[in-house]
Amino acid sequence: MSGGLAFRAPVPQPIPAIVIDQPNPARQTPLTIAAYDDERYCYIRSSKLMGYYSDPTVISALRERLQVPGTVATHNQMSDHEKKMAIEAQIELFSQTPSSLWFRVPPREILAASISRCRGELLSPRVILDKFYEFAREEDLRRPVARWLKGRSDEPYMEIQLGRHRIDVLGHNTRGPRLSAVE
């Protein structure tokens, strides 16, 4: 074809390798081993959290809440131990994914919060309220929230004025820098 346009194919460029984070070496113990009973996750004692985590109904609800990959038929064929391993792998993925709501959140906190979030749709409110207690006064939460912020390497500040409002606890992290306001 004379007088036509010449087309030159682009030269293929190598695709840079994608580095996937390795499993978190900071995680010292599996979720199924409770550290100390006085430790709390979402205000529930570690021993009670692990008791919940051994209940097949809770395991099933967690599988749905955390959207563990696999079909219902596949999960039904798994042992409780295998289901827990799949749940823990999903929790680990969430805690390492920068775009995740759970990025850099300790695995047991994710577990406790996920169980609490099953209230109503996947677990009855009675089951949740049996272990997760509501506080009578706001002041009762300040110290546990401050400890939680310290555990995240945040410096907690109490009752910070913000315009015409007050923030109950403010966490400041210089590594980020990041501010976490708890009202």
Foldseek 3Di string as FASTA:
>chain_A
DPPDDDDDDDDDDDDDDDDDDDQDPVPDDQLLDFDDQVDDALRFGSVVLNVLLQDPLLLVLLCVLLVQDDDPVVVVPDDSVVSSVSSLVSLRVQCCDPVHPNPVPDSSNVSLVSSLVSDPPRDDVVVNCVGNPDDPDPVVCLVVVCVSLVVVVWHKDAFPDDPPDTFGIWTAHPVVRDIDTHD
